Amino acid sequence: MTTREEAAEQLRVIRTMMERATIFRALSGETALIGGAAALAAAWLSEGKHGWAWAGWWLFGAAMVLVFNAWQIFRISSAHRKPFWNTGLKLAIRGALPSIVAGGFLGLLYVRGGERESVAASLWILHYGLALLAIREFAPKSMVWLGWAFVVFGVICLAGVAQVVDFVAQWKYITNGSRLMAIAFGGFHLIYGAAIVTTKAREDSAA
C-alpha cells in the first residue's frame, strides 16, 4: 500500500469513527432517558420482592429499553438511507456482548440462590459499565465517562455487599438491590440523558 493509499484509508477510518460517535451520541440521550425512567419504575415495582419476582421486573424493563433502542437505530438508519444491520451496530454488539452475557449470567445465579439481589445488582452495574467501555473506540467521550461511573459504582457496591470496607458495608442496612439499581440505571442514565439532550438542543439552535 502506497503512502497516499494509507492516508486515504486512515481518513476513511477516522470519518467512519466520527460518524459512529455522532450517531451513538444522538441515540444515547433519548435512550438513556427512557432507560432511566424504566429503571426507576422497575425499582419501585421490585421493592420488597426477592428471587425471580425481583429479577422479572428488571428483565422486563431491560427488554423494553432494548426494543426502544432498536426502534431508534432503525429510525436513524432509515433517515440516512443506511442498512439497519450495519458495521457499526455489529461492532457495538460484538464489543459489548461478552460483558453483558457474563454479568447477566452471574447476576442470575445469585438471584436463583435467593435473597442475594444486592450482589446481582452490583454485578449487573459493574458489567454494564464494562460493556460501555468495551465500545469506547467509536463511542462519544460522554459515554466513556458513563461507563466509568458504572464501573466505579459497581466496584463500590460489591465491596459493600462483601463487607470489604466497613463504611461501605453499612449500606446493607439502608439499601438493597432495587435501590442500587435505581441509583445506577435510573440516576446515572437520567443525568447522562438530560446532559446529552440539552447539549444537542443548544447545538441545534446555534446551527
N, C-alpha and C. Protein backbone atom coordinates (compact mmCIF):
# COMPACT_ATOMS: atom_id res chain seq x y z
N MET A 1 0.84 -1.19 0.00
CA MET A 1 0.00 0.00 0.00
C MET A 1 0.89 1.25 0.00
N THR A 2 0.59 2.19 -0.93
CA THR A 2 1.38 3.41 -1.02
C THR A 2 1.01 4.37 0.11
N THR A 3 1.86 5.41 0.24
CA THR A 3 1.61 6.40 1.29
C THR A 3 0.28 7.10 1.07
N ARG A 4 -0.04 7.40 -0.20
CA ARG A 4 -1.31 8.06 -0.50
C ARG A 4 -2.49 7.17 -0.15
N GLU A 5 -2.38 5.87 -0.44
CA GLU A 5 -3.46 4.94 -0.12
C GLU A 5 -3.61 4.78 1.40
N GLU A 6 -2.48 4.77 2.11
CA GLU A 6 -2.54 4.66 3.57
C GLU A 6 -3.22 5.88 4.17
N ALA A 7 -2.90 7.06 3.64
CA ALA A 7 -3.52 8.28 4.15
C ALA A 7 -5.02 8.28 3.89
N ALA A 8 -5.41 7.83 2.69
CA ALA A 8 -6.83 7.76 2.35
C ALA A 8 -7.56 6.78 3.25
N GLU A 9 -6.92 5.65 3.54
CA GLU A 9 -7.53 4.65 4.42
C GLU A 9 -7.68 5.19 5.84
N GLN A 10 -6.67 5.92 6.32
CA GLN A 10 -6.76 6.50 7.66
C GLN A 10 -7.87 7.53 7.74
N LEU A 11 -8.01 8.34 6.69
CA LEU A 11 -9.08 9.33 6.67
C LEU A 11 -10.45 8.65 6.66
N ARG A 12 -10.55 7.56 5.89
CA ARG A 12 -11.82 6.83 5.84
C ARG A 12 -12.17 6.26 7.21
N VAL A 13 -11.18 5.70 7.91
CA VAL A 13 -11.42 5.14 9.24
C VAL A 13 -11.83 6.23 10.23
N ILE A 14 -11.11 7.38 10.19
CA ILE A 14 -11.43 8.48 11.09
C ILE A 14 -12.83 9.00 10.83
N ARG A 15 -13.18 9.17 9.55
CA ARG A 15 -14.50 9.66 9.20
C ARG A 15 -15.59 8.70 9.67
N THR A 16 -15.33 7.40 9.51
CA THR A 16 -16.29 6.40 9.94
C THR A 16 -16.47 6.41 11.45
N MET A 17 -15.36 6.52 12.18
CA MET A 17 -15.43 6.55 13.64
C MET A 17 -16.18 7.78 14.13
N MET A 18 -15.94 8.94 13.51
CA MET A 18 -16.64 10.16 13.90
C MET A 18 -18.12 10.04 13.61
N GLU A 19 -18.46 9.42 12.49
CA GLU A 19 -19.87 9.24 12.14
C GLU A 19 -20.56 8.33 13.15
N ARG A 20 -19.87 7.25 13.53
CA ARG A 20 -20.45 6.34 14.50
C ARG A 20 -20.63 7.03 15.85
N ALA A 21 -19.64 7.81 16.25
CA ALA A 21 -19.73 8.51 17.54
C ALA A 21 -20.89 9.49 17.53
N THR A 22 -21.10 10.19 16.40
CA THR A 22 -22.21 11.13 16.30
C THR A 22 -23.54 10.42 16.41
N ILE A 23 -23.66 9.29 15.72
CA ILE A 23 -24.90 8.52 15.77
C ILE A 23 -25.14 7.97 17.17
N PHE A 24 -24.08 7.44 17.79
CA PHE A 24 -24.20 6.94 19.16
C PHE A 24 -24.68 8.04 20.09
N ARG A 25 -24.10 9.23 19.93
CA ARG A 25 -24.46 10.35 20.80
C ARG A 25 -25.92 10.74 20.60
N ALA A 26 -26.37 10.77 19.34
CA ALA A 26 -27.75 11.13 19.06
C ALA A 26 -28.73 10.12 19.64
N LEU A 27 -28.36 8.85 19.57
CA LEU A 27 -29.24 7.80 20.08
C LEU A 27 -29.20 7.70 21.59
N SER A 28 -28.02 7.89 22.16
CA SER A 28 -27.85 7.57 23.57
C SER A 28 -28.62 8.48 24.50
N GLY A 29 -28.81 9.75 24.13
CA GLY A 29 -29.51 10.68 25.01
C GLY A 29 -30.94 10.27 25.27
N GLU A 30 -31.72 10.07 24.21
CA GLU A 30 -33.12 9.69 24.36
C GLU A 30 -33.25 8.31 24.99
N THR A 31 -32.41 7.39 24.56
CA THR A 31 -32.46 6.04 25.12
C THR A 31 -32.11 6.04 26.60
N ALA A 32 -31.14 6.87 27.00
CA ALA A 32 -30.76 6.96 28.41
C ALA A 32 -31.92 7.49 29.25
N LEU A 33 -32.65 8.47 28.74
CA LEU A 33 -33.80 9.00 29.47
C LEU A 33 -34.88 7.94 29.65
N ILE A 34 -35.16 7.21 28.58
CA ILE A 34 -36.16 6.12 28.67
C ILE A 34 -35.66 5.04 29.61
N GLY A 35 -34.36 4.69 29.50
CA GLY A 35 -33.79 3.67 30.36
C GLY A 35 -33.81 4.08 31.82
N GLY A 36 -33.52 5.36 32.10
CA GLY A 36 -33.55 5.85 33.47
C GLY A 36 -34.94 5.79 34.05
N ALA A 37 -35.93 6.22 33.27
CA ALA A 37 -37.32 6.17 33.74
C ALA A 37 -37.77 4.73 33.97
N ALA A 38 -37.40 3.83 33.05
CA ALA A 38 -37.77 2.42 33.20
C ALA A 38 -37.11 1.82 34.43
N ALA A 39 -35.87 2.22 34.73
CA ALA A 39 -35.17 1.69 35.90
C ALA A 39 -35.84 2.14 37.19
N LEU A 40 -36.26 3.39 37.24
CA LEU A 40 -36.95 3.87 38.44
C LEU A 40 -38.28 3.15 38.64
N ALA A 41 -38.98 2.90 37.52
CA ALA A 41 -40.23 2.15 37.61
C ALA A 41 -39.99 0.72 38.08
N ALA A 42 -38.95 0.08 37.52
CA ALA A 42 -38.62 -1.30 37.93
C ALA A 42 -38.19 -1.35 39.39
N ALA A 43 -37.46 -0.32 39.84
CA ALA A 43 -37.04 -0.28 41.24
C ALA A 43 -38.24 -0.19 42.17
N TRP A 44 -39.22 0.61 41.79
CA TRP A 44 -40.42 0.76 42.61
C TRP A 44 -41.24 -0.53 42.63
N LEU A 45 -41.38 -1.16 41.46
CA LEU A 45 -42.18 -2.38 41.36
C LEU A 45 -41.50 -3.59 42.00
N SER A 46 -40.16 -3.59 42.01
CA SER A 46 -39.43 -4.74 42.55
C SER A 46 -39.08 -4.59 44.03
N GLU A 47 -39.33 -3.42 44.60
CA GLU A 47 -39.01 -3.19 46.01
C GLU A 47 -39.72 -4.21 46.91
N GLY A 48 -38.95 -4.85 47.77
CA GLY A 48 -39.51 -5.82 48.69
C GLY A 48 -39.66 -7.21 48.13
N LYS A 49 -39.39 -7.39 46.84
CA LYS A 49 -39.51 -8.71 46.22
C LYS A 49 -38.15 -9.41 46.21
N HIS A 50 -38.17 -10.72 46.03
CA HIS A 50 -36.93 -11.50 46.04
C HIS A 50 -36.95 -12.52 44.90
N GLY A 51 -35.75 -13.00 44.57
CA GLY A 51 -35.63 -14.06 43.57
C GLY A 51 -36.12 -13.63 42.21
N TRP A 52 -36.80 -14.54 41.53
CA TRP A 52 -37.25 -14.27 40.17
C TRP A 52 -38.33 -13.21 40.11
N ALA A 53 -39.10 -13.05 41.20
CA ALA A 53 -40.09 -11.98 41.25
C ALA A 53 -39.41 -10.62 41.19
N TRP A 54 -38.22 -10.53 41.80
CA TRP A 54 -37.44 -9.29 41.73
C TRP A 54 -36.79 -9.12 40.37
N ALA A 55 -36.13 -10.17 39.89
CA ALA A 55 -35.41 -10.09 38.62
C ALA A 55 -36.35 -9.88 37.44
N GLY A 56 -37.57 -10.42 37.54
CA GLY A 56 -38.50 -10.33 36.42
C GLY A 56 -38.79 -8.90 36.01
N TRP A 57 -38.96 -8.02 36.97
CA TRP A 57 -39.22 -6.61 36.64
C TRP A 57 -38.04 -5.97 35.94
N TRP A 58 -36.83 -6.32 36.38
CA TRP A 58 -35.64 -5.73 35.75
C TRP A 58 -35.42 -6.28 34.35
N LEU A 59 -35.66 -7.56 34.15
CA LEU A 59 -35.53 -8.14 32.82
C LEU A 59 -36.58 -7.57 31.87
N PHE A 60 -37.79 -7.37 32.37
CA PHE A 60 -38.85 -6.77 31.55
C PHE A 60 -38.47 -5.34 31.17
N GLY A 61 -37.98 -4.56 32.14
CA GLY A 61 -37.57 -3.19 31.84
C GLY A 61 -36.44 -3.14 30.83
N ALA A 62 -35.46 -4.04 30.98
CA ALA A 62 -34.34 -4.09 30.03
C ALA A 62 -34.83 -4.43 28.63
N ALA A 63 -35.78 -5.35 28.53
CA ALA A 63 -36.32 -5.73 27.22
C ALA A 63 -37.02 -4.55 26.55
N MET A 64 -37.78 -3.78 27.34
CA MET A 64 -38.48 -2.62 26.79
C MET A 64 -37.49 -1.57 26.27
N VAL A 65 -36.41 -1.34 27.01
CA VAL A 65 -35.41 -0.37 26.58
C VAL A 65 -34.69 -0.85 25.32
N LEU A 66 -34.40 -2.15 25.24
CA LEU A 66 -33.76 -2.70 24.04
C LEU A 66 -34.65 -2.53 22.81
N VAL A 67 -35.95 -2.75 22.99
CA VAL A 67 -36.90 -2.56 21.87
C VAL A 67 -36.91 -1.10 21.43
N PHE A 68 -36.93 -0.18 22.40
CA PHE A 68 -36.92 1.24 22.06
C PHE A 68 -35.63 1.62 21.34
N ASN A 69 -34.50 1.10 21.83
CA ASN A 69 -33.21 1.41 21.21
C ASN A 69 -33.15 0.87 19.79
N ALA A 70 -33.67 -0.35 19.59
CA ALA A 70 -33.70 -0.92 18.24
C ALA A 70 -34.55 -0.06 17.30
N TRP A 71 -35.66 0.42 17.82
CA TRP A 71 -36.52 1.30 17.00
C TRP A 71 -35.80 2.60 16.66
N GLN A 72 -35.04 3.14 17.62
CA GLN A 72 -34.27 4.35 17.39
C GLN A 72 -33.22 4.14 16.30
N ILE A 73 -32.52 3.02 16.39
CA ILE A 73 -31.50 2.70 15.39
C ILE A 73 -32.13 2.55 14.00
N PHE A 74 -33.27 1.87 13.96
CA PHE A 74 -33.98 1.69 12.68
C PHE A 74 -34.41 3.03 12.11
N ARG A 75 -34.91 3.92 12.98
CA ARG A 75 -35.37 5.24 12.53
C ARG A 75 -34.21 6.06 11.97
N ILE A 76 -33.08 6.07 12.69
CA ILE A 76 -31.91 6.83 12.22
C ILE A 76 -31.36 6.24 10.94
N SER A 77 -31.31 4.90 10.88
CA SER A 77 -30.79 4.24 9.67
C SER A 77 -31.65 4.55 8.46
N SER A 78 -32.96 4.52 8.64
CA SER A 78 -33.87 4.82 7.53
C SER A 78 -33.73 6.26 7.07
N ALA A 79 -33.57 7.19 8.04
CA ALA A 79 -33.43 8.60 7.69
C ALA A 79 -32.16 8.86 6.89
N HIS A 80 -31.10 8.10 7.17
CA HIS A 80 -29.84 8.27 6.45
C HIS A 80 -29.68 7.28 5.30
N ARG A 81 -30.76 6.53 5.02
CA ARG A 81 -30.75 5.55 3.93
C ARG A 81 -29.60 4.55 4.06
N LYS A 82 -29.45 4.05 5.28
CA LYS A 82 -28.41 3.06 5.56
C LYS A 82 -29.05 1.80 6.12
N PRO A 83 -28.40 0.65 5.95
CA PRO A 83 -28.98 -0.59 6.47
C PRO A 83 -29.03 -0.60 7.99
N PHE A 84 -30.06 -1.24 8.53
CA PHE A 84 -30.19 -1.36 9.99
C PHE A 84 -29.04 -2.18 10.56
N TRP A 85 -28.76 -3.32 9.95
CA TRP A 85 -27.70 -4.21 10.44
C TRP A 85 -26.38 -3.79 9.80
N ASN A 86 -25.84 -2.65 10.26
CA ASN A 86 -24.64 -2.10 9.65
C ASN A 86 -23.40 -2.48 10.44
N THR A 87 -22.25 -2.05 9.92
CA THR A 87 -20.97 -2.41 10.55
C THR A 87 -20.85 -1.85 11.96
N GLY A 88 -21.30 -0.61 12.16
CA GLY A 88 -21.21 -0.01 13.48
C GLY A 88 -22.00 -0.78 14.53
N LEU A 89 -23.22 -1.20 14.16
CA LEU A 89 -24.04 -1.97 15.09
C LEU A 89 -23.40 -3.32 15.40
N LYS A 90 -22.85 -3.95 14.38
CA LYS A 90 -22.19 -5.24 14.59
C LYS A 90 -21.01 -5.11 15.54
N LEU A 91 -20.20 -4.05 15.34
CA LEU A 91 -19.04 -3.84 16.20
C LEU A 91 -19.47 -3.55 17.64
N ALA A 92 -20.53 -2.77 17.79
CA ALA A 92 -21.01 -2.44 19.13
C ALA A 92 -21.48 -3.69 19.86
N ILE A 93 -22.25 -4.52 19.18
CA ILE A 93 -22.74 -5.75 19.80
C ILE A 93 -21.59 -6.70 20.10
N ARG A 94 -20.67 -6.80 19.16
CA ARG A 94 -19.52 -7.69 19.35
C ARG A 94 -18.67 -7.25 20.55
N GLY A 95 -18.54 -5.95 20.75
CA GLY A 95 -17.74 -5.46 21.86
C GLY A 95 -18.45 -5.56 23.20
N ALA A 96 -19.74 -5.26 23.22
CA ALA A 96 -20.47 -5.20 24.49
C ALA A 96 -20.99 -6.55 24.95
N LEU A 97 -21.26 -7.45 24.02
CA LEU A 97 -21.95 -8.70 24.36
C LEU A 97 -21.24 -9.55 25.42
N PRO A 98 -19.90 -9.75 25.35
CA PRO A 98 -19.26 -10.60 26.36
C PRO A 98 -19.52 -10.13 27.80
N SER A 99 -19.39 -8.84 28.06
CA SER A 99 -19.62 -8.33 29.41
C SER A 99 -21.08 -8.45 29.81
N ILE A 100 -21.98 -8.17 28.87
CA ILE A 100 -23.41 -8.26 29.16
C ILE A 100 -23.80 -9.70 29.50
N VAL A 101 -23.32 -10.64 28.69
CA VAL A 101 -23.67 -12.05 28.91
C VAL A 101 -23.08 -12.55 30.23
N ALA A 102 -21.80 -12.24 30.47
CA ALA A 102 -21.15 -12.71 31.69
C ALA A 102 -21.80 -12.11 32.93
N GLY A 103 -22.02 -10.79 32.92
CA GLY A 103 -22.64 -10.15 34.07
C GLY A 103 -24.07 -10.60 34.29
N GLY A 104 -24.82 -10.73 33.20
CA GLY A 104 -26.20 -11.20 33.32
C GLY A 104 -26.29 -12.59 33.90
N PHE A 105 -25.43 -13.48 33.42
CA PHE A 105 -25.44 -14.87 33.91
C PHE A 105 -25.04 -14.94 35.39
N LEU A 106 -23.97 -14.25 35.77
CA LEU A 106 -23.53 -14.27 37.16
C LEU A 106 -24.60 -13.68 38.09
N GLY A 107 -25.22 -12.59 37.65
CA GLY A 107 -26.27 -11.99 38.46
C GLY A 107 -27.44 -12.93 38.66
N LEU A 108 -27.85 -13.61 37.60
CA LEU A 108 -28.98 -14.53 37.71
C LEU A 108 -28.66 -15.73 38.60
N LEU A 109 -27.40 -16.11 38.67
CA LEU A 109 -27.01 -17.19 39.58
C LEU A 109 -27.29 -16.79 41.02
N TYR A 110 -26.98 -15.54 41.37
CA TYR A 110 -27.25 -15.07 42.72
C TYR A 110 -28.75 -14.88 42.96
N VAL A 111 -29.47 -14.48 41.92
CA VAL A 111 -30.93 -14.37 42.05
C VAL A 111 -31.52 -15.74 42.34
N ARG A 112 -31.03 -16.75 41.64
CA ARG A 112 -31.51 -18.11 41.84
C ARG A 112 -31.22 -18.60 43.25
N GLY A 113 -30.10 -18.11 43.85
CA GLY A 113 -29.76 -18.52 45.20
C GLY A 113 -30.70 -17.99 46.26
N GLY A 114 -31.45 -16.93 45.94
CA GLY A 114 -32.43 -16.39 46.86
C GLY A 114 -31.89 -15.30 47.76
N GLU A 115 -32.59 -14.14 47.76
CA GLU A 115 -32.30 -13.01 48.63
C GLU A 115 -30.83 -12.55 48.54
N ARG A 116 -30.27 -12.61 47.32
CA ARG A 116 -28.92 -12.08 47.09
C ARG A 116 -29.01 -11.02 45.99
N GLU A 117 -30.10 -10.26 46.02
CA GLU A 117 -30.33 -9.27 44.96
C GLU A 117 -29.28 -8.17 44.93
N SER A 118 -28.72 -7.84 46.10
CA SER A 118 -27.69 -6.79 46.14
C SER A 118 -26.44 -7.21 45.37
N VAL A 119 -26.09 -8.49 45.47
CA VAL A 119 -24.94 -8.99 44.73
C VAL A 119 -25.24 -8.99 43.23
N ALA A 120 -26.43 -9.46 42.87
CA ALA A 120 -26.82 -9.47 41.46
C ALA A 120 -26.81 -8.06 40.88
N ALA A 121 -27.37 -7.11 41.63
CA ALA A 121 -27.39 -5.72 41.17
C ALA A 121 -25.98 -5.18 40.99
N SER A 122 -25.10 -5.47 41.93
CA SER A 122 -23.72 -4.99 41.85
C SER A 122 -23.02 -5.54 40.61
N LEU A 123 -23.24 -6.82 40.33
CA LEU A 123 -22.62 -7.44 39.15
C LEU A 123 -23.18 -6.86 37.87
N TRP A 124 -24.47 -6.63 37.82
CA TRP A 124 -25.08 -6.06 36.62
C TRP A 124 -24.57 -4.64 36.38
N ILE A 125 -24.47 -3.86 37.45
CA ILE A 125 -23.96 -2.48 37.32
C ILE A 125 -22.52 -2.48 36.81
N LEU A 126 -21.68 -3.31 37.41
CA LEU A 126 -20.27 -3.37 37.02
C LEU A 126 -20.10 -3.82 35.58
N HIS A 127 -20.77 -4.88 35.19
CA HIS A 127 -20.58 -5.42 33.84
C HIS A 127 -21.22 -4.54 32.76
N TYR A 128 -22.26 -3.82 33.12
CA TYR A 128 -22.81 -2.86 32.17
C TYR A 128 -21.80 -1.76 31.88
N GLY A 129 -21.14 -1.28 32.93
CA GLY A 129 -20.09 -0.29 32.74
C GLY A 129 -18.96 -0.82 31.87
N LEU A 130 -18.56 -2.07 32.11
CA LEU A 130 -17.51 -2.68 31.29
C LEU A 130 -17.95 -2.81 29.83
N ALA A 131 -19.23 -3.09 29.61
CA ALA A 131 -19.74 -3.18 28.24
C ALA A 131 -19.65 -1.84 27.53
N LEU A 132 -19.98 -0.75 28.24
CA LEU A 132 -19.86 0.58 27.64
C LEU A 132 -18.42 0.92 27.31
N LEU A 133 -17.51 0.56 28.19
CA LEU A 133 -16.09 0.83 27.94
C LEU A 133 -15.54 -0.03 26.81
N ALA A 134 -16.15 -1.17 26.57
CA ALA A 134 -15.68 -2.06 25.50
C ALA A 134 -15.92 -1.46 24.12
N ILE A 135 -16.84 -0.50 24.00
CA ILE A 135 -17.11 0.11 22.70
C ILE A 135 -16.63 1.57 22.67
N ARG A 136 -15.69 1.90 23.53
CA ARG A 136 -15.26 3.29 23.64
C ARG A 136 -14.53 3.80 22.40
N GLU A 137 -14.00 2.88 21.56
CA GLU A 137 -13.26 3.34 20.38
C GLU A 137 -14.15 4.12 19.41
N PHE A 138 -15.43 3.79 19.35
CA PHE A 138 -16.31 4.51 18.43
C PHE A 138 -17.54 5.05 19.14
N ALA A 139 -17.41 5.29 20.45
CA ALA A 139 -18.48 5.93 21.22
C ALA A 139 -18.05 7.33 21.62
N PRO A 140 -18.97 8.25 21.85
CA PRO A 140 -18.59 9.60 22.29
C PRO A 140 -17.95 9.55 23.67
N LYS A 141 -17.14 10.55 23.97
CA LYS A 141 -16.42 10.60 25.24
C LYS A 141 -17.38 10.59 26.42
N SER A 142 -18.56 11.19 26.24
CA SER A 142 -19.53 11.24 27.34
C SER A 142 -19.96 9.83 27.74
N MET A 143 -20.08 8.92 26.76
CA MET A 143 -20.47 7.56 27.08
C MET A 143 -19.35 6.82 27.80
N VAL A 144 -18.12 7.17 27.51
CA VAL A 144 -16.98 6.58 28.22
C VAL A 144 -17.03 6.96 29.70
N TRP A 145 -17.33 8.23 29.98
CA TRP A 145 -17.47 8.66 31.37
C TRP A 145 -18.62 7.95 32.05
N LEU A 146 -19.70 7.73 31.32
CA LEU A 146 -20.83 6.98 31.89
C LEU A 146 -20.40 5.56 32.23
N GLY A 147 -19.62 4.94 31.35
CA GLY A 147 -19.13 3.60 31.61
C GLY A 147 -18.28 3.54 32.87
N TRP A 148 -17.39 4.54 33.03
CA TRP A 148 -16.55 4.56 34.23
C TRP A 148 -17.38 4.78 35.48
N ALA A 149 -18.43 5.58 35.39
CA ALA A 149 -19.30 5.80 36.55
C ALA A 149 -19.94 4.49 36.99
N PHE A 150 -20.39 3.68 36.04
CA PHE A 150 -20.98 2.39 36.37
C PHE A 150 -19.93 1.44 36.96
N VAL A 151 -18.74 1.43 36.38
CA VAL A 151 -17.69 0.53 36.87
C VAL A 151 -17.31 0.88 38.30
N VAL A 152 -17.06 2.16 38.56
CA VAL A 152 -16.65 2.59 39.91
C VAL A 152 -17.76 2.30 40.91
N PHE A 153 -18.99 2.64 40.56
CA PHE A 153 -20.10 2.39 41.48
C PHE A 153 -20.32 0.90 41.68
N GLY A 154 -20.16 0.11 40.62
CA GLY A 154 -20.31 -1.34 40.75
C GLY A 154 -19.28 -1.94 41.68
N VAL A 155 -18.03 -1.47 41.59
CA VAL A 155 -16.98 -1.96 42.49
C VAL A 155 -17.29 -1.59 43.94
N ILE A 156 -17.76 -0.34 44.15
CA ILE A 156 -18.11 0.10 45.49
C ILE A 156 -19.26 -0.76 46.05
N CYS A 157 -20.24 -1.04 45.20
CA CYS A 157 -21.37 -1.87 45.64
C CYS A 157 -20.90 -3.27 46.02
N LEU A 158 -20.02 -3.86 45.21
CA LEU A 158 -19.50 -5.19 45.53
C LEU A 158 -18.71 -5.17 46.83
N ALA A 159 -17.93 -4.11 47.04
CA ALA A 159 -17.18 -4.00 48.29
C ALA A 159 -18.13 -3.90 49.47
N GLY A 160 -19.27 -3.24 49.26
CA GLY A 160 -20.23 -3.10 50.33
C GLY A 160 -20.92 -4.40 50.68
N VAL A 161 -21.41 -5.11 49.67
CA VAL A 161 -22.14 -6.35 49.95
C VAL A 161 -21.19 -7.43 50.45
N ALA A 162 -19.90 -7.34 50.09
CA ALA A 162 -18.92 -8.30 50.59
C ALA A 162 -18.33 -7.87 51.93
N GLN A 163 -18.74 -6.68 52.42
CA GLN A 163 -18.27 -6.14 53.69
C GLN A 163 -16.74 -6.02 53.72
N VAL A 164 -16.19 -5.61 52.57
CA VAL A 164 -14.73 -5.42 52.49
C VAL A 164 -14.33 -4.13 53.18
N VAL A 165 -15.14 -3.09 53.00
CA VAL A 165 -14.86 -1.80 53.59
C VAL A 165 -15.96 -1.49 54.60
N ASP A 166 -15.58 -1.15 55.81
CA ASP A 166 -16.54 -1.01 56.89
C ASP A 166 -17.64 0.00 56.60
N PHE A 167 -17.24 1.22 56.15
CA PHE A 167 -18.27 2.24 55.97
C PHE A 167 -19.19 1.91 54.80
N VAL A 168 -18.65 1.21 53.78
CA VAL A 168 -19.49 0.79 52.67
C VAL A 168 -20.39 -0.36 53.09
N ALA A 169 -19.89 -1.21 53.96
CA ALA A 169 -20.67 -2.36 54.41
C ALA A 169 -21.93 -1.92 55.14
N GLN A 170 -21.94 -0.72 55.69
CA GLN A 170 -23.12 -0.24 56.39
C GLN A 170 -24.28 0.02 55.42
N TRP A 171 -23.99 0.04 54.13
CA TRP A 171 -25.04 0.26 53.14
C TRP A 171 -26.11 -0.80 53.21
N LYS A 172 -25.75 -2.01 53.62
CA LYS A 172 -26.70 -3.11 53.60
C LYS A 172 -27.90 -2.84 54.50
N TYR A 173 -27.74 -1.91 55.43
CA TYR A 173 -28.84 -1.60 56.33
C TYR A 173 -29.80 -0.56 55.74
N ILE A 174 -29.36 0.15 54.73
CA ILE A 174 -30.20 1.21 54.17
C ILE A 174 -30.47 1.02 52.67
N THR A 175 -29.80 0.08 52.03
CA THR A 175 -30.01 -0.13 50.60
C THR A 175 -30.30 -1.60 50.32
N ASN A 176 -30.79 -1.85 49.13
CA ASN A 176 -30.98 -3.22 48.65
C ASN A 176 -30.74 -3.23 47.15
N GLY A 177 -30.98 -4.37 46.51
CA GLY A 177 -30.72 -4.47 45.09
C GLY A 177 -31.50 -3.48 44.26
N SER A 178 -32.76 -3.26 44.60
CA SER A 178 -33.61 -2.34 43.84
C SER A 178 -33.08 -0.91 43.93
N ARG A 179 -32.63 -0.53 45.12
CA ARG A 179 -32.15 0.85 45.29
C ARG A 179 -30.80 1.07 44.62
N LEU A 180 -29.94 0.07 44.67
CA LEU A 180 -28.67 0.19 43.96
C LEU A 180 -28.90 0.33 42.46
N MET A 181 -29.81 -0.47 41.93
CA MET A 181 -30.13 -0.39 40.50
C MET A 181 -30.77 0.95 40.16
N ALA A 182 -31.59 1.47 41.07
CA ALA A 182 -32.23 2.76 40.83
C ALA A 182 -31.19 3.88 40.76
N ILE A 183 -30.21 3.83 41.66
CA ILE A 183 -29.16 4.86 41.66
C ILE A 183 -28.37 4.83 40.35
N ALA A 184 -27.95 3.61 39.94
CA ALA A 184 -27.09 3.49 38.76
C ALA A 184 -27.89 3.60 37.46
N PHE A 185 -28.78 2.64 37.22
CA PHE A 185 -29.50 2.60 35.95
C PHE A 185 -30.55 3.70 35.85
N GLY A 186 -31.08 4.13 37.00
CA GLY A 186 -32.03 5.23 36.98
C GLY A 186 -31.33 6.58 37.01
N GLY A 187 -30.60 6.84 38.10
CA GLY A 187 -29.98 8.15 38.27
C GLY A 187 -28.92 8.49 37.24
N PHE A 188 -27.97 7.57 37.04
CA PHE A 188 -26.89 7.86 36.08
C PHE A 188 -27.43 8.09 34.67
N HIS A 189 -28.40 7.26 34.26
CA HIS A 189 -28.94 7.40 32.91
C HIS A 189 -29.73 8.69 32.75
N LEU A 190 -30.49 9.07 33.77
CA LEU A 190 -31.27 10.32 33.66
C LEU A 190 -30.34 11.53 33.59
N ILE A 191 -29.30 11.53 34.40
CA ILE A 191 -28.33 12.65 34.36
C ILE A 191 -27.64 12.70 33.01
N TYR A 192 -27.18 11.54 32.54
CA TYR A 192 -26.49 11.47 31.24
C TYR A 192 -27.43 11.89 30.11
N GLY A 193 -28.64 11.33 30.11
CA GLY A 193 -29.59 11.63 29.04
C GLY A 193 -29.96 13.10 29.01
N ALA A 194 -30.19 13.70 30.18
CA ALA A 194 -30.54 15.12 30.24
C ALA A 194 -29.40 15.98 29.72
N ALA A 195 -28.16 15.61 30.08
CA ALA A 195 -27.00 16.37 29.62
C ALA A 195 -26.85 16.30 28.11
N ILE A 196 -27.04 15.11 27.55
CA ILE A 196 -26.90 14.94 26.10
C ILE A 196 -28.00 15.67 25.34
N VAL A 197 -29.24 15.52 25.80
CA VAL A 197 -30.38 16.13 25.09
C VAL A 197 -30.31 17.64 25.14
N THR A 198 -29.99 18.21 26.31
CA THR A 198 -29.90 19.67 26.40
C THR A 198 -28.73 20.22 25.60
N THR A 199 -27.61 19.50 25.60
CA THR A 199 -26.45 19.93 24.81
C THR A 199 -26.78 19.90 23.32
N LYS A 200 -27.46 18.84 22.90
CA LYS A 200 -27.84 18.72 21.49
C LYS A 200 -28.82 19.81 21.10
N ALA A 201 -29.73 20.15 22.00
CA ALA A 201 -30.70 21.21 21.71
C ALA A 201 -30.00 22.56 21.53
N ARG A 202 -29.01 22.84 22.38
CA ARG A 202 -28.26 24.09 22.24
C ARG A 202 -27.48 24.13 20.94
N GLU A 203 -26.90 22.96 20.57
CA GLU A 203 -26.14 22.91 19.32
C GLU A 203 -27.05 23.11 18.11
N ASP A 204 -28.24 22.53 18.15
CA ASP A 204 -29.19 22.67 17.04
C ASP A 204 -29.67 24.11 16.90
N SER A 205 -29.92 24.77 18.03
CA SER A 205 -30.38 26.15 17.99
C SER A 205 -29.30 27.12 17.50
N ALA A 206 -28.04 26.75 17.78
CA ALA A 206 -26.92 27.60 17.36
C ALA A 206 -26.57 27.38 15.90
N ALA A 207 -26.96 26.23 15.35
CA ALA A 207 -26.58 25.90 13.98
C ALA A 207 -27.32 26.77 12.96
